Protein backbone atom coordinates (compact mmCIF):
# COMPACT_ATOMS: atom_id res chain seq x y z
CA UNK A 1 -7.52 -6.78 47.59
CA UNK A 2 -4.29 -5.71 45.99
CA UNK A 3 -4.03 -6.39 42.35
CA UNK A 4 -1.51 -9.24 41.36
CA UNK A 5 1.23 -7.85 39.09
CA UNK A 6 1.24 -8.50 35.42
CA UNK A 7 4.07 -11.28 34.24
CA UNK A 8 5.97 -9.76 31.63
CA UNK A 9 8.63 -11.07 29.37
CA UNK A 10 11.01 -8.07 28.04
CA UNK A 11 12.58 -8.35 24.66
CA UNK A 12 14.29 -5.66 23.17
CA UNK A 13 17.44 -4.40 21.26
CA UNK A 14 18.77 -1.67 23.73
CA UNK A 15 18.97 1.27 22.41
CA UNK A 16 18.29 4.39 24.49
CA UNK A 17 14.44 3.97 24.35
CA UNK A 18 14.59 0.41 25.22
CA UNK A 19 16.38 1.45 28.39
CA UNK A 20 13.67 3.74 29.31
CA UNK A 21 10.93 1.07 28.90
CA UNK A 22 12.70 -1.36 30.93
CA UNK A 23 13.34 1.26 33.85
CA UNK A 24 9.61 1.91 33.95
CA UNK A 25 9.16 -1.92 33.91
CA UNK A 26 11.57 -2.30 36.85
CA UNK A 27 10.16 0.73 38.73
CA UNK A 28 6.39 -0.75 38.84
CA UNK A 29 5.08 -2.65 41.12
CA UNK A 30 2.29 -3.42 38.69
CA UNK A 31 4.75 -5.52 36.52
CA UNK A 32 6.62 -8.55 37.40
CA UNK A 33 9.57 -9.11 34.87
CA UNK A 34 10.01 -12.87 34.23
CA UNK A 35 12.91 -12.82 31.83
CA UNK A 36 14.74 -10.64 29.27
CA UNK A 37 15.65 -11.32 25.68
CA UNK A 38 17.87 -9.58 23.39
CA UNK A 39 17.34 -9.19 19.48
CA UNK A 40 19.31 -7.50 16.67
CA UNK A 41 18.16 -3.93 15.79
CA UNK A 42 19.67 -0.78 16.86
CA UNK A 43 22.88 -2.65 17.05
CA UNK A 44 24.24 -6.02 16.31
CA UNK A 45 23.15 -9.03 18.57
CA UNK A 46 26.21 -9.18 20.46
CA UNK A 47 26.13 -5.46 21.36
CA UNK A 48 22.17 -5.56 22.12
CA UNK A 49 23.02 -8.43 24.42
CA UNK A 50 25.84 -6.58 26.37
CA UNK A 51 23.60 -3.57 26.54
CA UNK A 52 20.80 -5.60 27.91
CA UNK A 53 22.93 -6.85 30.44
CA UNK A 54 24.20 -3.63 31.50
CA UNK A 55 20.65 -2.26 31.80
CA UNK A 56 19.75 -4.96 33.83
CA UNK A 57 22.85 -4.47 36.31
CA UNK A 58 22.10 -0.74 36.44
CA UNK A 59 18.05 -1.17 37.35
CA UNK A 60 18.71 -4.74 39.46
CA UNK A 61 16.65 -6.69 37.25
CA UNK A 62 16.93 -10.18 38.64
CA UNK A 63 15.80 -12.51 36.03
CA UNK A 64 17.27 -14.76 33.48
CA UNK A 65 18.43 -13.51 30.16
CA UNK A 66 19.11 -14.95 26.94
CA UNK A 67 20.56 -13.69 23.58
CA UNK A 68 18.13 -13.76 20.77
CA UNK A 69 18.50 -14.03 17.01
CA UNK A 70 19.25 -12.13 13.87
CA UNK A 71 16.50 -11.25 11.25
CA UNK A 72 14.65 -14.22 9.48
CA UNK A 73 15.60 -13.06 6.04
CA UNK A 74 17.32 -9.95 5.83
CA UNK A 75 20.79 -8.61 7.22
CA UNK A 76 21.37 -6.66 10.54
CA UNK A 77 20.77 -2.93 10.44
CA UNK A 78 22.76 -1.31 13.06
CA UNK A 79 22.13 2.55 13.34
CA UNK A 80 24.93 4.22 15.22
CA UNK A 81 23.86 7.79 14.14
CA UNK A 82 20.90 7.37 16.37
CA UNK A 83 22.14 5.30 19.26
CA UNK A 84 25.91 5.74 18.82
CA UNK A 85 28.75 2.98 18.06
CA UNK A 86 27.85 1.05 21.23
CA UNK A 87 24.09 1.29 20.73
CA UNK A 88 23.84 2.84 24.37
CA UNK A 89 25.94 5.75 24.00
CA UNK A 90 26.22 8.80 26.35
CA UNK A 91 26.07 7.37 29.82
CA UNK A 92 28.41 5.54 32.32
CA UNK A 93 26.66 2.18 32.50
CA UNK A 94 27.71 -0.62 35.00
CA UNK A 95 29.39 -3.93 33.71
CA UNK A 96 27.11 -6.76 33.49
CA UNK A 97 26.60 -8.77 36.86
CA UNK A 98 25.28 -11.91 34.87
CA UNK A 99 25.96 -13.72 31.89
CA UNK A 100 23.25 -15.07 29.36
CA UNK A 101 21.76 -18.31 30.01
CA UNK A 102 22.67 -21.15 28.05
CA UNK A 103 19.76 -21.06 25.97
CA UNK A 104 18.18 -19.67 22.74
CA UNK A 105 15.98 -16.81 23.57
CA UNK A 106 13.26 -18.82 22.23
CA UNK A 107 13.72 -21.74 24.70
CA UNK A 108 14.23 -19.31 27.57
CA UNK A 109 10.84 -17.66 26.68
CA UNK A 110 9.07 -20.89 26.22
CA UNK A 111 10.13 -22.42 29.52
CA UNK A 112 8.99 -19.25 31.44
CA UNK A 113 5.67 -19.30 29.70
CA UNK A 114 5.28 -23.02 30.51
CA UNK A 115 6.23 -22.24 34.07
CA UNK A 116 4.36 -19.23 34.83
CA UNK A 117 1.08 -20.09 36.90
CA UNK A 118 -0.70 -16.98 34.89
CA UNK A 119 -0.50 -16.16 31.19
CA UNK A 120 2.31 -13.69 30.57
CA UNK A 121 2.32 -10.59 28.59
CA UNK A 122 5.25 -10.28 25.95
CA UNK A 123 6.61 -6.84 25.62
CA UNK A 124 8.79 -6.42 22.46
CA UNK A 125 10.81 -3.12 22.05
CA UNK A 126 12.74 -4.11 18.98
CA UNK A 127 12.11 -6.32 15.68
CA UNK A 128 9.61 -9.19 16.34
CA UNK A 129 12.17 -11.98 15.49
CA UNK A 130 12.26 -13.66 18.75
CA UNK A 131 8.57 -13.54 19.17
CA UNK A 132 7.76 -14.96 15.59
CA UNK A 133 10.35 -17.52 16.29
CA UNK A 134 8.75 -18.72 19.55
CA UNK A 135 5.33 -18.80 18.00
CA UNK A 136 6.64 -21.03 15.08
CA UNK A 137 8.71 -23.44 17.53
CA UNK A 138 5.86 -23.61 20.18
CA UNK A 139 2.34 -22.69 18.74
CA UNK A 140 0.92 -24.44 21.85
CA UNK A 141 1.97 -21.52 23.98
CA UNK A 142 0.15 -18.88 22.29
CA UNK A 143 -2.85 -19.71 24.63
CA UNK A 144 -0.40 -18.95 27.62
CA UNK A 145 0.14 -15.26 26.21
CA UNK A 146 -2.04 -12.69 27.55
CA UNK A 147 -1.16 -9.95 24.86
CA UNK A 148 1.73 -8.81 23.00
CA UNK A 149 2.37 -4.88 23.99
CA UNK A 150 4.59 -3.93 21.28
CA UNK A 151 6.46 -0.82 19.76
CA UNK A 152 6.42 -0.84 16.06
CA UNK A 153 4.82 0.13 13.12
CA UNK A 154 2.62 3.32 12.13
CA UNK A 155 -0.59 3.36 10.50
CA UNK A 156 -0.18 6.96 9.04
CA UNK A 157 3.68 6.57 8.18
CA UNK A 158 6.96 5.19 8.65
CA UNK A 159 10.37 6.59 9.87
CA UNK A 160 12.80 4.79 8.20
CA UNK A 161 11.08 4.74 4.88
CA UNK A 162 8.27 6.88 3.91
CA UNK A 163 6.20 3.35 4.60
CA UNK A 164 7.89 1.56 7.25
CA UNK A 165 8.95 2.18 10.91
CA UNK A 166 12.39 0.85 11.79
CA UNK A 167 11.48 -2.24 14.00
CA UNK A 168 9.07 -3.73 11.49
CA UNK A 169 11.30 -3.11 8.67
CA UNK A 170 14.45 -4.70 10.13
CA UNK A 171 12.11 -8.26 10.20
CA UNK A 172 8.94 -7.80 8.31
CA UNK A 173 8.66 -11.51 8.02
CA UNK A 174 8.74 -11.98 11.80
CA UNK A 175 6.19 -9.13 12.14
CA UNK A 176 3.97 -10.51 9.61
CA UNK A 177 3.95 -13.76 11.59
CA UNK A 178 3.50 -12.02 14.92
CA UNK A 179 0.28 -10.02 13.69
CA UNK A 180 -1.38 -13.09 11.81
CA UNK A 181 -0.65 -15.32 15.18
CA UNK A 182 -4.07 -14.67 16.73
CA UNK A 183 -2.64 -13.45 20.16
CA UNK A 184 -4.22 -10.15 21.29
CA UNK A 185 -1.77 -7.13 20.30
CA UNK A 186 -1.36 -3.74 21.67
CA UNK A 187 0.37 -1.47 19.15
CA UNK A 188 2.57 1.60 20.38
CA UNK A 189 3.23 2.79 16.82
CA UNK A 190 4.51 5.98 15.51
CA UNK A 191 0.95 7.36 15.62
CA UNK A 192 1.39 7.40 19.52
CA UNK A 193 5.10 7.36 20.33
CA UNK A 194 5.97 10.46 18.32
CA UNK A 195 3.70 12.22 20.45
CA UNK A 196 5.25 10.44 23.58
CA UNK A 197 7.96 12.91 24.15
CA UNK A 198 10.17 14.13 27.07
CA UNK A 199 11.23 17.61 26.85
CA UNK A 200 14.46 19.16 28.30
CA UNK A 201 12.84 20.45 30.91
CA UNK A 202 11.90 16.70 31.99
CA UNK A 203 15.48 15.81 31.69
CA UNK A 204 16.29 18.22 34.52
CA UNK A 205 13.49 16.94 36.61
CA UNK A 206 14.68 13.33 36.22
CA UNK A 207 18.43 14.38 36.94
CA UNK A 208 16.96 16.39 39.92
CA UNK A 209 15.67 13.26 41.82
CA UNK A 210 19.33 12.25 42.22
CA UNK A 211 20.73 8.69 42.61
CA UNK A 212 22.77 6.56 40.01
CA UNK A 213 19.85 5.64 38.09
CA UNK A 214 18.35 9.35 37.59
CA UNK A 215 21.89 10.42 36.43
CA UNK A 216 22.32 7.65 33.98
CA UNK A 217 18.84 8.16 32.53
CA UNK A 218 19.06 11.88 32.12
CA UNK A 219 22.36 11.57 30.57
CA UNK A 220 21.05 8.83 27.84
CA UNK A 221 18.32 11.42 27.46
CA UNK A 222 20.91 14.17 26.69
CA UNK A 223 22.83 12.18 24.22
CA UNK A 224 19.51 11.12 22.52
CA UNK A 225 18.34 14.35 22.33
CA UNK A 226 21.09 15.49 19.92
CA UNK A 227 19.87 13.09 17.34
CA UNK A 228 16.14 14.26 17.88
CA UNK A 229 17.41 17.91 17.70
CA UNK A 230 19.21 17.54 14.27
CA UNK A 231 15.73 16.50 12.97
CA UNK A 232 13.94 19.34 14.25
CA UNK A 233 12.18 17.98 17.27
CA UNK A 234 11.96 20.05 20.62
CA UNK A 235 12.47 16.75 22.74
CA UNK A 236 13.15 13.07 22.51
CA UNK A 237 10.52 10.69 21.34
CA UNK A 238 10.65 7.65 23.79
CA UNK A 239 9.01 5.14 21.59
CA UNK A 240 9.48 1.96 23.34
CA UNK A 241 8.63 3.27 26.79
CA UNK A 242 4.75 3.65 25.70
CA UNK A 243 4.62 -0.21 25.24
CA UNK A 244 5.45 -0.82 29.09
CA UNK A 245 3.43 2.28 30.15
CA UNK A 246 0.46 1.33 28.62
CA UNK A 247 0.43 -1.84 30.78
CA UNK A 248 0.07 -0.22 34.15
CA UNK A 249 -1.04 3.65 33.14
CA UNK A 250 -3.69 2.99 30.21
CA UNK A 251 -5.53 5.99 31.32
CA UNK A 252 -2.92 8.17 29.60
CA UNK A 253 -3.35 6.75 26.20
CA UNK A 254 -6.29 6.74 23.54
CA UNK A 255 -6.39 4.08 20.64
CA UNK A 256 -8.74 2.35 18.44
CA UNK A 257 -9.26 -1.49 17.28
CA UNK A 258 -8.17 -2.53 13.88
CA UNK A 259 -7.08 -5.16 11.69
CA UNK A 260 -3.26 -4.60 11.06
CA UNK A 261 -1.44 -6.31 8.07
CA UNK A 262 2.52 -6.17 7.52
CA UNK A 263 3.73 -5.90 3.80
CA UNK A 264 6.65 -8.31 3.46
CA UNK A 265 7.24 -7.22 -0.26
CA UNK A 266 6.63 -4.17 -2.19
CA UNK A 267 8.97 -2.00 -4.09
CA UNK A 268 8.38 0.85 -1.93
CA UNK A 269 6.46 -0.42 1.13
CA UNK A 270 8.28 -3.42 2.53
CA UNK A 271 8.00 -3.25 6.41
CA UNK A 272 4.75 -0.94 6.11
CA UNK A 273 2.00 -1.73 8.69
CA UNK A 274 -1.26 -1.32 6.94
CA UNK A 275 -4.17 -0.47 9.33
CA UNK A 276 -7.73 -1.07 7.90
CA UNK A 277 -8.91 2.09 9.33
CA UNK A 278 -12.40 2.09 7.41
CA UNK A 279 -12.90 -1.87 7.90
CA UNK A 280 -12.79 -2.41 4.18
CA UNK A 281 -11.28 -5.67 4.42
CA UNK A 282 -14.19 -6.71 7.00
CA UNK A 283 -11.72 -8.65 9.19
CA UNK A 284 -12.05 -8.86 12.84
CA UNK A 285 -9.47 -6.24 14.59
CA UNK A 286 -5.93 -8.18 15.37
CA UNK A 287 -4.59 -5.05 17.27
CA UNK A 288 -5.75 -2.32 19.68
CA UNK A 289 -3.54 0.58 18.07
CA UNK A 290 -2.67 3.59 20.20
CA UNK A 291 -3.06 6.99 18.72
CA UNK A 292 -3.17 9.55 21.51
CA UNK A 293 -1.07 10.24 24.87
CA UNK A 294 -1.17 12.64 27.83
CA UNK A 295 2.31 13.88 27.59
CA UNK A 296 2.60 15.49 30.83
CA UNK A 297 1.11 12.54 32.27
CA UNK A 298 3.76 10.34 30.58
CA UNK A 299 6.72 12.64 31.77
CA UNK A 300 5.59 12.27 35.23
CA UNK A 301 5.94 8.60 34.98
CA UNK A 302 9.68 8.96 34.57
CA UNK A 303 10.20 11.11 37.23
CA UNK A 304 8.07 8.91 39.43
CA UNK A 305 9.99 5.76 38.11
CA UNK A 306 13.64 7.13 38.49
CA UNK A 307 12.55 8.18 42.32
CA UNK A 308 12.23 4.11 43.05
CA UNK A 309 16.41 4.28 43.11
CA UNK A 310 16.45 7.73 44.93
CA UNK A 311 18.73 6.46 47.48
CA UNK A 312 21.22 4.47 45.53
């Protein structure tokens, strides 16, 4: 008997690696996308919403989409040096085929979770603003969430400050609420995502598949690589895609359970994710922290995924 697909809510700030993550989700028969929501992160909320709709049009994602919010306490932190002025530079994406629904992201998420016959998995690939707001407004829905498979944080180090990874740093208060929510978390942080790399030879394999999607994905990778190359990376770290790939190819990853706390203050450590590696706090784990990846197998997922649209 075939396994039922996992119902997922995609929440992100596209962003090149968000687009890659959503491509993996849209291609996989193991996942069923119930809704899409945007958050402020890589670019302003207006730009990430527009980008989300363009990615949905490219991939043929047929689901309601809603605009989310901005960080709970801090300001927006667009990073045009990484993702370009649009937040998704480097490729010819189609114009949106739909408009956001007339609901805040939190209310769309709540509506979808309530109506789903099965518990849902939330896949946040940007700051955790919307997820925290959902749990604050509708705590009764936590029990309807199977897990949160997120990209964010890093146990060993940060990437935007020495201590903090970008997604968590943008909205530490939201991340703190989510990590203390009691909902099971799979954490795809820098400990694994910096190993989840696509090389220029992988870009060529993706482009060789043919079709509109493979061309756009290859173009996005070429653009994204320029930033990574300037930092000395041999390829692109596709951070956000790990949060999706784990859901249907967990055999590619290794990890460990631990308690993770989020620092919301601290002169040097705001936004840090502190993993109790040695269980010194004696608290039950609240996250499965991914630490290793089969890089070649991860790259193969992308080639297989773009083949879904080969004839387009």
